[in-house]
Amino acid sequence: MADKLAEATLASGKRIPYVITDNPPRGGMKYTYFAPDKSYVVQFFNDPEDAADPNIQSRIEAIISRYNPTLPESKGGAKGNDERIAAYFAGRFCWPTGIVVDPEFGIVCPTYPKSFFFDESSSPVINLKGKDKKSNWFTSKNRRYLAPHELGDLRSMMQMSLLLARSIRRLHQAGLAHSDLSNNNVLIDPKTGNCVVIDIDSLVVPGLYPPEVAGTRGYIAPEVLESLNLDMNDPNRISPSSYTDLHALGVLIYEYLFLRHPLIGPKIYDMDSAENDDYLALGSKATFIENPDDTSNRPKDLYVTIKDLGPILEKLFLRTFVDGLHNPEYRPTAMEWERGLVKTWDLLHHCSNPSCEQKWFVLYDSSVTKCPYCGHRIAEKEIVRLKLKQEIRGHEGQWRDYAEVDVVNNTPLFKWHFQSSVFPDEKADKTLQAYICRHNGEWFLINRNADGLMSPEGNSVPSGQAIKLYDGAVFRMYRGERGLLAEISITKVR
């Protein structure tokens, strides 16, 4: 059958064209037709009973309107959303934009940006042109089929992890859970460090709309997998929720940063049944491959581990896959992942070995000066750190560690480096406030737009002026409320 043009009528009354093709792409619940210009897709349900289900219809209506983070609150979207926040998350989610009522019930979604599709240059050995960039192409042995320019590096993978954590945090803030967060439903582009969350129409609205799916192998939380054999109405059956999203989020972040699955190791749980062995490995007997107290599932070739990403992320991974693996309430929230990744981002150091595949590593300890990926020693003769401290509330003059910044020439500084009340989320002002540079062998902090910056001597440093930095220098980044204190550390590399 030749392709032909058809029209869909939306709930708003608007009519839009789409192209009917033979063998349209099919997922677990829906099949897809593209717009003539491929700017959007029209999706219908594989099962007519799903299309006619009033719960599914009302769920989608709610998701498109009052729970929608890509729509301003003034236009019926999620509470607290303004135009700027809505525009930001429109780029983080492939969110449904309309409901089709004729020729049958369905939805309209924007097409993924071109960067989330492979092209003819993506692989020198197989034809991937037009295929979605699902993360298992990049985090498994499939990587060997991809061209080097597709693979990204630690920095781009960390950026993707941060963006995904932010997206899931926003979902949970809106009172939603994804329910099937997995490598299939998050498309990634390691070249640019971007990701997009898809298959939004199956979201769980706790207390209103239950989950339709249990999840995807490798990402289903152990407590859900353990209870899958129970009847849907059994009170002991565990359904997908924000807690189970947090397990899947941890798995995805671990895969992005280590290119391996956190639970799939050498341990055999059932010698007689491969199916039961897999069920136990991801369910009731699941064991983190880096569990410090149980090494029974630890591969022999773990050259780079969670310790190599610094103590902040190490603790989050241990909370996810040790404390929280079988105790969902102990899992870190998406916001905790977002904050941990932001602080770790400031410790990224460029590897001076041009052949290093990861190109970056986390320089969390000034005494550890080798890249864990290639073993190359850093080229710099000294390590400069900007150590930020936060005043303890109710204890004037007493400070505690807040964050650290690995300083190199032209290190940029933003408002969140000056005030503890500012966080670099979707609402943050990203105007450059200052930068640190090296000149004639000495270090300087150059003020560009920061108000309230003080010198080590206690004098105001106006825009355009500089602070000379030296080991042990202490000064206020911002003299107002919630201002951070800075301490400079310069360590010679031996």
Protein backbone atom coordinates (compact mmCIF):
# COMPACT_ATOMS: atom_id res chain seq x y z
CA MET A 1 0.00 0.00 0.00
CA ALA A 2 1.35 3.42 -0.93
CA ASP A 3 1.59 6.04 1.77
CA LYS A 4 -1.49 8.25 1.98
CA LEU A 5 -2.49 11.42 3.75
CA ALA A 6 -5.14 11.35 6.47
CA GLU A 7 -6.58 13.83 8.94
CA ALA A 8 -7.03 13.60 12.69
CA THR A 9 -9.51 15.68 14.65
CA LEU A 10 -8.32 16.87 18.04
CA ALA A 11 -10.42 17.41 21.17
CA SER A 12 -9.99 21.16 20.56
CA GLY A 13 -11.67 20.78 17.16
CA LYS A 14 -8.46 21.41 15.25
CA ARG A 15 -7.75 19.11 12.31
CA ILE A 16 -4.17 18.00 11.57
CA PRO A 17 -2.71 15.87 8.74
CA TYR A 18 -0.65 12.71 9.17
CA VAL A 19 0.78 10.09 6.82
CA ILE A 20 -0.50 6.50 6.93
CA THR A 21 2.26 3.99 6.13
CA ASP A 22 2.65 0.24 6.00
CA ASN A 23 4.09 -1.25 9.20
CA PRO A 24 4.17 1.91 11.31
CA PRO A 25 6.56 1.89 14.31
CA ARG A 26 4.95 0.06 17.25
CA GLY A 27 5.67 0.18 20.95
CA GLY A 28 4.18 -1.82 23.78
CA MET A 29 0.90 0.10 23.74
CA LYS A 30 0.77 2.33 20.64
CA TYR A 31 1.70 2.66 16.99
CA THR A 32 2.89 5.87 15.34
CA TYR A 33 2.26 7.92 12.20
CA PHE A 34 4.30 11.01 11.31
CA ALA A 35 3.17 14.44 10.18
CA PRO A 36 3.97 15.25 6.54
CA ASP A 37 6.84 17.48 7.71
CA LYS A 38 7.70 15.07 10.59
CA SER A 39 7.34 17.87 13.17
CA TYR A 40 4.89 15.78 15.23
CA VAL A 41 3.52 12.27 15.47
CA VAL A 42 -0.01 10.92 15.82
CA GLN A 43 -0.21 7.80 17.97
CA PHE A 44 -3.05 5.28 18.30
CA PHE A 45 -3.43 2.34 20.68
CA ASN A 46 -2.63 -1.20 19.58
CA ASP A 47 -5.54 -2.53 21.64
CA PRO A 48 -8.98 -0.97 20.95
CA GLU A 49 -9.96 -1.74 24.56
CA ASP A 50 -7.15 0.52 25.80
CA ALA A 51 -8.32 3.29 23.49
CA ALA A 52 -11.85 2.99 24.87
CA ASP A 53 -10.77 2.75 28.53
CA PRO A 54 -12.16 5.82 30.36
CA ASN A 55 -9.34 5.66 32.94
CA ILE A 56 -6.70 5.89 30.22
CA GLN A 57 -8.58 8.73 28.54
CA SER A 58 -8.97 10.74 31.77
CA ARG A 59 -5.32 10.05 32.70
CA ILE A 60 -4.13 11.50 29.37
CA GLU A 61 -6.43 14.50 29.74
CA ALA A 62 -4.92 15.20 33.19
CA ILE A 63 -1.35 14.72 31.95
CA ILE A 64 -1.86 17.12 29.05
CA SER A 65 -3.37 19.79 31.29
CA ARG A 66 -3.04 20.28 35.05
CA TYR A 67 0.01 18.01 35.50
CA ASN A 68 1.86 19.31 32.44
CA PRO A 69 5.29 20.87 33.27
CA THR A 70 5.74 21.95 29.64
CA LEU A 71 2.67 24.22 29.80
CA PRO A 72 2.45 27.45 31.85
CA GLU A 73 -0.02 27.43 34.73
CA SER A 74 -1.74 30.44 33.10
CA LYS A 75 -2.62 28.15 30.17
CA GLY A 76 -3.82 25.24 32.29
CA GLY A 77 -0.43 23.59 32.92
CA ALA A 78 1.32 22.45 36.08
CA LYS A 79 1.05 24.56 39.21
CA GLY A 80 3.88 27.06 39.62
CA ASN A 81 4.92 26.94 35.97
CA ASP A 82 5.68 30.21 34.19
CA GLU A 83 6.48 30.62 30.50
CA ARG A 84 10.25 30.25 31.01
CA ILE A 85 10.05 27.07 33.09
CA ALA A 86 7.52 25.55 30.70
CA ALA A 87 9.79 26.27 27.72
CA TYR A 88 12.75 24.70 29.53
CA PHE A 89 10.96 21.43 30.27
CA ALA A 90 9.45 21.31 26.79
CA GLY A 91 13.01 20.49 25.73
CA ARG A 92 13.45 17.84 28.45
CA PHE A 93 10.26 15.85 27.77
CA CYS A 94 8.48 14.66 24.67
CA TRP A 95 5.15 15.62 26.25
CA PRO A 96 1.78 15.00 24.52
CA THR A 97 0.31 18.21 23.14
CA GLY A 98 -3.16 17.09 22.11
CA ILE A 99 -5.81 14.37 22.23
CA VAL A 100 -7.12 12.81 19.01
CA VAL A 101 -10.85 12.01 19.03
CA ASP A 102 -11.28 10.99 15.38
CA PRO A 103 -10.76 8.59 13.58
CA GLU A 104 -10.18 7.06 17.03
CA PHE A 105 -8.79 8.00 20.42
CA GLY A 106 -5.09 8.82 20.36
CA ILE A 107 -2.52 11.49 21.14
CA VAL A 108 -0.29 14.00 19.37
CA CYS A 109 3.36 14.42 20.44
CA PRO A 110 6.22 16.53 19.12
CA THR A 111 8.84 14.58 17.21
CA TYR A 112 12.14 14.07 18.99
CA PRO A 113 14.82 16.57 17.92
CA LYS A 114 17.10 15.32 15.13
CA SER A 115 20.00 14.89 17.55
CA PHE A 116 18.21 11.89 19.11
CA PHE A 117 18.25 9.95 15.84
CA PHE A 118 21.30 8.21 14.41
CA ASP A 119 22.45 9.27 10.94
CA GLU A 120 24.51 7.61 8.22
CA SER A 121 27.78 8.56 9.94
CA SER A 122 26.84 7.07 13.32
CA SER A 123 28.29 3.62 12.67
CA PRO A 124 31.01 2.41 10.29
CA VAL A 125 29.75 -1.20 10.39
CA ILE A 126 25.93 -1.24 10.57
CA ASN A 127 23.15 0.95 9.21
CA LEU A 128 21.62 2.88 12.11
CA LYS A 129 20.21 5.79 10.11
CA GLY A 130 16.86 6.88 11.54
CA LYS A 131 17.00 4.71 14.67
CA ASP A 132 16.33 6.24 18.10
CA LYS A 133 19.34 6.86 20.32
CA LYS A 134 18.33 4.58 23.17
CA SER A 135 20.92 4.47 25.91
CA ASN A 136 21.81 0.78 25.56
CA TRP A 137 23.62 1.68 22.32
CA PHE A 138 26.05 3.70 24.42
CA THR A 139 26.23 1.88 27.77
CA SER A 140 26.68 -1.73 26.67
CA LYS A 141 28.87 -3.75 24.31
CA ASN A 142 26.88 -2.17 21.47
CA ARG A 143 29.26 0.80 21.83
CA ARG A 144 31.75 -1.03 19.64
CA TYR A 145 29.45 -0.54 16.64
CA LEU A 146 29.34 3.24 17.00
CA ALA A 147 31.63 5.83 15.47
CA PRO A 148 33.90 7.55 18.03
CA HIS A 149 32.18 10.92 17.57
CA GLU A 150 28.92 9.45 18.91
CA LEU A 151 30.31 8.17 22.21
CA GLY A 152 30.71 11.32 24.28
CA ASP A 153 32.87 11.39 27.42
CA LEU A 154 32.51 11.55 31.20
CA ARG A 155 31.59 15.24 31.11
CA SER A 156 28.77 14.81 28.60
CA MET A 157 27.52 11.70 30.41
CA MET A 158 27.48 13.61 33.70
CA GLN A 159 25.54 16.43 32.07
CA MET A 160 22.96 13.92 30.81
CA SER A 161 22.71 12.44 34.30
CA LEU A 162 22.09 15.89 35.74
CA LEU A 163 19.43 16.76 33.16
CA LEU A 164 17.66 13.45 33.71
CA ALA A 165 17.68 13.89 37.49
CA ARG A 166 16.23 17.39 37.03
CA SER A 167 13.48 16.08 34.74
CA ILE A 168 12.48 13.33 37.16
CA ARG A 169 12.58 15.80 40.06
CA ARG A 170 10.12 18.00 38.14
CA LEU A 171 7.85 15.02 37.43
CA HIS A 172 7.78 14.10 41.12
CA GLN A 173 7.17 17.72 42.15
CA ALA A 174 4.11 17.71 39.90
CA GLY A 175 2.79 14.64 41.74
CA LEU A 176 3.60 12.22 38.92
CA ALA A 177 5.69 9.07 38.52
CA HIS A 178 6.96 7.75 35.19
CA SER A 179 6.41 4.04 36.06
CA ASP A 180 8.56 2.76 33.16
CA LEU A 181 11.73 4.81 33.34
CA SER A 182 14.32 2.84 31.38
CA ASN A 183 16.84 2.84 28.54
CA ASN A 184 13.87 2.64 26.14
CA ASN A 185 12.09 5.72 27.47
CA VAL A 186 15.03 8.08 27.81
CA LEU A 187 16.76 8.99 24.56
CA ILE A 188 20.29 10.35 24.88
CA ASP A 189 22.86 12.16 22.77
CA PRO A 190 26.31 11.84 24.36
CA LYS A 191 27.78 14.17 21.73
CA THR A 192 25.89 17.13 23.21
CA GLY A 193 25.13 15.78 26.70
CA ASN A 194 21.38 16.05 26.14
CA CYS A 195 18.55 13.66 26.92
CA VAL A 196 14.78 13.59 26.52
CA VAL A 197 12.18 11.59 28.47
CA ILE A 198 9.54 9.95 26.28
CA ASP A 199 6.39 7.77 26.61
CA ILE A 200 4.79 10.30 28.93
CA ASP A 201 1.17 9.19 28.45
CA SER A 202 1.62 6.20 30.79
CA LEU A 203 2.57 8.33 33.79
CA VAL A 204 1.22 7.35 37.20
CA VAL A 205 -0.86 9.91 39.08
CA PRO A 206 -0.78 8.54 42.66
CA GLY A 207 -4.22 8.11 44.12
CA LEU A 208 -5.93 8.82 40.80
CA TYR A 209 -4.49 6.80 37.92
CA PRO A 210 -2.68 3.52 38.64
CA PRO A 211 0.23 2.24 36.52
CA GLU A 212 -0.47 0.32 33.33
CA VAL A 213 2.95 -1.35 33.10
CA ALA A 214 5.38 -2.88 35.58
CA GLY A 215 8.48 -1.55 33.85
CA THR A 216 11.41 -2.81 31.77
CA ARG A 217 13.88 -5.57 32.63
CA GLY A 218 16.92 -4.18 34.40
CA TYR A 219 15.08 -1.07 35.57
CA ILE A 220 12.13 -2.55 37.47
CA ALA A 221 12.64 -2.01 41.19
CA PRO A 222 13.31 -5.29 43.06
CA GLU A 223 10.18 -4.94 45.21
CA VAL A 224 8.00 -4.66 42.08
CA LEU A 225 9.67 -7.64 40.42
CA GLU A 226 9.26 -9.78 43.56
CA SER A 227 5.49 -9.23 43.64
CA LEU A 228 4.70 -9.53 39.92
CA ASN A 229 3.24 -13.01 40.39
CA LEU A 230 0.61 -11.70 42.81
CA ASP A 231 -2.89 -10.75 41.72
CA MET A 232 -3.35 -7.10 40.71
CA ASN A 233 -5.74 -6.64 43.65
CA ASP A 234 -3.47 -8.31 46.20
CA PRO A 235 -2.48 -5.70 48.83
CA ASN A 236 1.04 -7.18 48.89
CA ARG A 237 1.60 -6.44 45.20
CA ILE A 238 3.91 -3.44 44.76
CA SER A 239 3.10 -1.08 41.92
CA PRO A 240 5.37 1.44 40.19
CA SER A 241 5.61 4.79 41.99
CA SER A 242 8.05 7.63 42.58
CA TYR A 243 10.06 5.23 44.78
CA THR A 244 10.48 2.80 41.91
CA ASP A 245 11.39 5.69 39.59
CA LEU A 246 14.27 6.42 41.97
CA HIS A 247 15.64 2.90 41.52
CA ALA A 248 15.46 3.23 37.72
CA LEU A 249 17.01 6.72 37.88
CA GLY A 250 19.95 5.35 39.85
CA VAL A 251 20.40 2.51 37.34
CA LEU A 252 20.43 4.92 34.39
CA ILE A 253 22.87 7.33 36.04
CA TYR A 254 25.17 4.43 36.96
CA GLU A 255 25.03 3.15 33.37
CA TYR A 256 25.79 6.59 31.92
CA LEU A 257 28.80 7.12 34.19
CA PHE A 258 30.24 3.57 34.23
CA LEU A 259 28.90 1.97 31.02
CA ARG A 260 27.69 -1.12 32.90
CA HIS A 261 24.64 -2.27 34.88
CA PRO A 262 24.88 -1.94 38.68
CA LEU A 263 23.30 -5.33 39.46
CA ILE A 264 24.35 -7.63 36.63
CA GLY A 265 27.59 -9.31 37.72
CA PRO A 266 29.18 -12.77 37.86
CA LYS A 267 27.12 -14.20 40.73
CA ILE A 268 24.89 -17.19 39.91
CA TYR A 269 21.65 -17.33 41.91
CA ASP A 270 20.10 -20.44 40.31
CA MET A 271 22.28 -23.01 38.54
CA ASP A 272 19.31 -24.88 37.07
CA SER A 273 17.16 -22.10 35.63
CA ALA A 274 18.52 -19.14 33.68
CA GLU A 275 15.11 -17.47 33.88
CA ASN A 276 14.92 -17.79 37.67
CA ASP A 277 18.56 -16.75 38.00
CA ASP A 278 17.75 -13.52 36.16
CA TYR A 279 14.61 -13.02 38.25
CA LEU A 280 16.57 -13.38 41.50
CA ALA A 281 19.51 -11.27 40.30
CA LEU A 282 17.26 -8.30 39.64
CA GLY A 283 14.68 -9.03 42.36
CA SER A 284 14.78 -10.51 45.85
CA LYS A 285 18.50 -11.46 45.76
CA ALA A 286 19.73 -8.40 43.87
CA THR A 287 23.26 -7.40 44.95
CA PHE A 288 25.11 -4.25 43.95
CA ILE A 289 28.29 -5.16 42.05
CA GLU A 290 30.17 -2.58 44.16
CA ASN A 291 28.63 -3.46 47.53
CA PRO A 292 31.49 -2.84 49.98
CA ASP A 293 30.23 -5.48 52.44
CA ASP A 294 29.25 -8.21 49.97
CA THR A 295 31.68 -8.79 47.09
CA SER A 296 29.98 -11.99 45.85
CA ASN A 297 28.67 -10.21 42.73
CA ARG A 298 31.76 -8.11 42.06
CA PRO A 299 33.37 -8.45 38.61
CA LYS A 300 37.15 -8.84 38.53
CA ASP A 301 37.73 -5.99 36.08
CA LEU A 302 36.25 -3.02 37.98
CA TYR A 303 39.13 -0.66 37.36
CA VAL A 304 36.99 2.47 37.77
CA THR A 305 34.52 2.46 40.68
CA ILE A 306 32.11 4.76 42.47
CA LYS A 307 35.02 5.96 44.65
CA ASP A 308 36.58 7.51 41.54
CA LEU A 309 33.64 9.92 41.22
CA GLY A 310 34.20 11.41 44.66
CA PRO A 311 32.46 10.99 48.02
CA ILE A 312 29.26 12.84 47.08
CA LEU A 313 28.23 10.49 44.27
CA GLU A 314 29.72 7.47 46.04
CA LYS A 315 27.32 8.02 48.94
CA LEU A 316 24.34 8.47 46.61
CA PHE A 317 25.13 5.21 44.79
CA LEU A 318 25.53 3.34 48.09
CA ARG A 319 22.20 4.72 49.33
CA THR A 320 20.54 3.62 46.08
CA PHE A 321 22.04 0.16 45.63
CA VAL A 322 22.90 -0.90 49.18
CA ASP A 323 20.68 0.88 51.72
CA GLY A 324 17.78 1.43 49.30
CA LEU A 325 18.03 -1.58 47.02
CA HIS A 326 15.47 -3.53 49.06
CA ASN A 327 14.27 -0.60 51.22
CA PRO A 328 12.71 1.97 48.87
CA GLU A 329 12.38 4.71 51.50
CA TYR A 330 16.18 4.94 51.77
CA ARG A 331 16.70 5.80 48.11
CA PRO A 332 17.97 9.34 47.40
CA THR A 333 15.46 11.63 45.74
CA ALA A 334 15.90 13.01 42.24
CA MET A 335 16.65 16.39 43.81
CA GLU A 336 19.48 14.85 45.87
CA TRP A 337 20.93 13.38 42.67
CA GLU A 338 20.60 16.76 40.98
CA ARG A 339 22.44 18.53 43.81
CA GLY A 340 25.13 15.85 44.05
CA LEU A 341 25.81 15.96 40.33
CA VAL A 342 26.00 19.77 40.35
CA LYS A 343 28.64 19.73 43.11
CA THR A 344 30.59 16.96 41.41
CA TRP A 345 30.46 18.85 38.10
CA ASP A 346 32.59 21.58 39.68
CA LEU A 347 35.31 18.99 40.36
CA LEU A 348 35.66 17.77 36.77
CA HIS A 349 39.24 18.06 35.52
CA HIS A 350 40.32 17.73 31.90
CA CYS A 351 42.72 14.84 31.29
CA SER A 352 45.88 16.01 29.54
CA ASN A 353 46.25 12.67 27.72
CA PRO A 354 44.88 13.26 24.19
CA SER A 355 44.20 9.52 23.85
CA CYS A 356 42.04 9.29 27.00
CA GLU A 357 38.60 8.07 25.94
CA GLN A 358 36.76 9.76 28.80
CA LYS A 359 38.71 13.06 28.47
CA TRP A 360 37.64 14.15 31.98
CA PHE A 361 37.85 12.79 35.52
CA VAL A 362 36.69 13.91 38.96
CA LEU A 363 39.58 15.51 40.84
CA TYR A 364 37.96 15.15 44.25
CA ASP A 365 41.21 14.81 46.21
CA SER A 366 44.26 16.99 45.51
CA SER A 367 46.52 14.09 46.51
CA VAL A 368 45.07 11.80 43.80
CA THR A 369 46.56 13.26 40.62
CA LYS A 370 46.11 10.44 38.11
CA CYS A 371 43.23 10.00 35.70
CA PRO A 372 41.51 6.72 36.73
CA TYR A 373 40.57 5.98 33.12
CA CYS A 374 44.01 6.10 31.50
CA GLY A 375 46.43 6.42 34.42
CA HIS A 376 47.90 9.66 33.05
CA ARG A 377 49.21 12.14 35.64
CA ILE A 378 47.84 15.66 35.47
CA ALA A 379 50.04 18.10 33.57
CA GLU A 380 49.54 21.03 35.96
CA LYS A 381 52.26 21.80 38.50
CA GLU A 382 49.72 22.86 41.14
CA ILE A 383 46.11 22.14 42.06
CA VAL A 384 44.03 25.19 42.93
CA ARG A 385 40.78 24.78 44.86
CA LEU A 386 38.07 27.26 45.72
CA LYS A 387 36.58 25.86 48.93
CA LEU A 388 33.16 27.34 49.66
CA LYS A 389 31.71 27.39 53.17
CA GLN A 390 28.20 28.10 54.42
CA GLU A 391 27.45 29.90 57.69
CA ILE A 392 25.68 27.70 60.22
CA ARG A 393 22.24 29.16 60.90
CA GLY A 394 21.96 30.59 64.38
CA HIS A 395 25.75 30.41 64.86
CA GLU A 396 27.18 33.61 63.48
CA GLY A 397 30.80 33.30 62.44
CA GLN A 398 30.72 29.49 62.35
CA TRP A 399 31.09 27.90 58.94
CA ARG A 400 30.75 24.41 57.46
CA ASP A 401 31.89 22.95 54.15
CA TYR A 402 29.47 23.65 51.32
CA ALA A 403 31.17 22.91 47.98
CA GLU A 404 34.49 22.92 46.15
CA VAL A 405 35.52 24.13 42.71
CA ASP A 406 38.50 22.73 40.79
CA VAL A 407 40.16 25.89 39.47
CA VAL A 408 41.86 26.10 36.08
CA ASN A 409 42.57 29.10 33.90
CA ASN A 410 39.33 30.99 33.10
CA THR A 411 37.14 29.05 35.54
CA PRO A 412 33.68 30.71 35.42
CA LEU A 413 31.74 31.52 38.59
CA PHE A 414 27.98 32.02 38.84
CA LYS A 415 25.52 33.16 41.49
CA TRP A 416 25.35 29.70 43.07
CA HIS A 417 29.06 30.02 43.85
CA PHE A 418 28.33 33.21 45.79
CA GLN A 419 25.08 32.51 47.66
CA SER A 420 23.83 29.29 49.26
CA SER A 421 20.25 30.37 48.52
CA VAL A 422 20.85 30.03 44.76
CA PHE A 423 20.80 26.64 43.04
CA PRO A 424 21.59 26.09 39.33
CA ASP A 425 18.21 24.66 38.37
CA GLU A 426 15.88 25.61 35.52
CA LYS A 427 15.09 28.96 37.20
CA ALA A 428 18.66 30.08 37.93
CA ASP A 429 20.23 33.24 36.54
CA LYS A 430 23.19 31.96 34.53
CA THR A 431 24.85 35.36 34.06
CA LEU A 432 28.61 35.14 34.58
CA GLN A 433 29.47 36.79 37.91
CA ALA A 434 33.25 36.39 37.94
CA TYR A 435 36.05 34.17 36.68
CA ILE A 436 39.41 32.96 37.94
CA CYS A 437 42.46 33.23 35.68
CA ARG A 438 46.22 32.79 35.80
CA HIS A 439 48.45 35.70 34.80
CA ASN A 440 52.24 35.81 35.00
CA GLY A 441 52.25 32.77 37.26
CA GLU A 442 49.72 34.22 39.72
CA TRP A 443 46.00 33.59 40.21
CA PHE A 444 43.29 36.25 40.20
CA LEU A 445 39.52 36.34 40.67
CA ILE A 446 38.11 38.94 38.28
CA ASN A 447 34.74 40.45 39.23
CA ARG A 448 32.37 40.90 36.31
CA ASN A 449 28.85 41.28 37.73
CA ALA A 450 28.97 40.19 41.38
CA ASP A 451 27.57 42.48 44.06
CA GLY A 452 28.91 42.12 47.60
CA LEU A 453 32.26 40.49 46.77
CA MET A 454 34.84 41.24 49.48
CA SER A 455 38.64 41.03 49.42
CA PRO A 456 40.64 39.04 52.02
CA GLU A 457 41.29 42.40 53.71
CA GLY A 458 37.54 43.03 54.03
CA ASN A 459 37.22 45.65 51.30
CA SER A 460 34.49 45.75 48.66
CA VAL A 461 35.60 44.53 45.22
CA PRO A 462 33.57 46.32 42.53
CA SER A 463 32.89 45.06 39.02
CA GLY A 464 36.00 45.17 36.86
CA GLN A 465 38.36 44.77 39.82
CA ALA A 466 40.31 41.67 40.87
CA ILE A 467 41.33 39.73 43.98
CA LYS A 468 44.83 38.26 44.00
CA LEU A 469 44.56 34.65 45.17
CA TYR A 470 47.10 32.81 47.30
CA ASP A 471 47.15 29.66 49.38
CA GLY A 472 45.12 30.20 52.54
CA ALA A 473 43.34 33.36 51.33
CA VAL A 474 39.86 33.71 52.88
CA PHE A 475 37.19 36.16 51.72
CA ARG A 476 33.43 36.65 51.43
CA MET A 477 31.92 35.83 48.06
CA TYR A 478 28.79 37.79 49.06
CA ARG A 479 28.46 39.94 52.15
CA GLY A 480 24.66 39.65 52.33
CA GLU A 481 22.45 36.97 53.86
CA ARG A 482 23.29 33.39 52.79
CA GLY A 483 26.58 34.59 51.33
CA LEU A 484 29.33 31.99 51.03
CA LEU A 485 32.83 32.20 52.44
CA ALA A 486 35.72 31.22 50.14
CA GLU A 487 39.05 29.69 51.07
CA ILE A 488 41.82 29.22 48.51
CA SER A 489 43.97 26.10 48.55
CA ILE A 490 47.00 25.79 46.26
CA THR A 491 48.79 22.43 46.41
CA LYS A 492 52.02 21.65 44.56
CA VAL A 493 51.84 18.46 42.47
CA ARG A 494 54.64 16.07 43.38
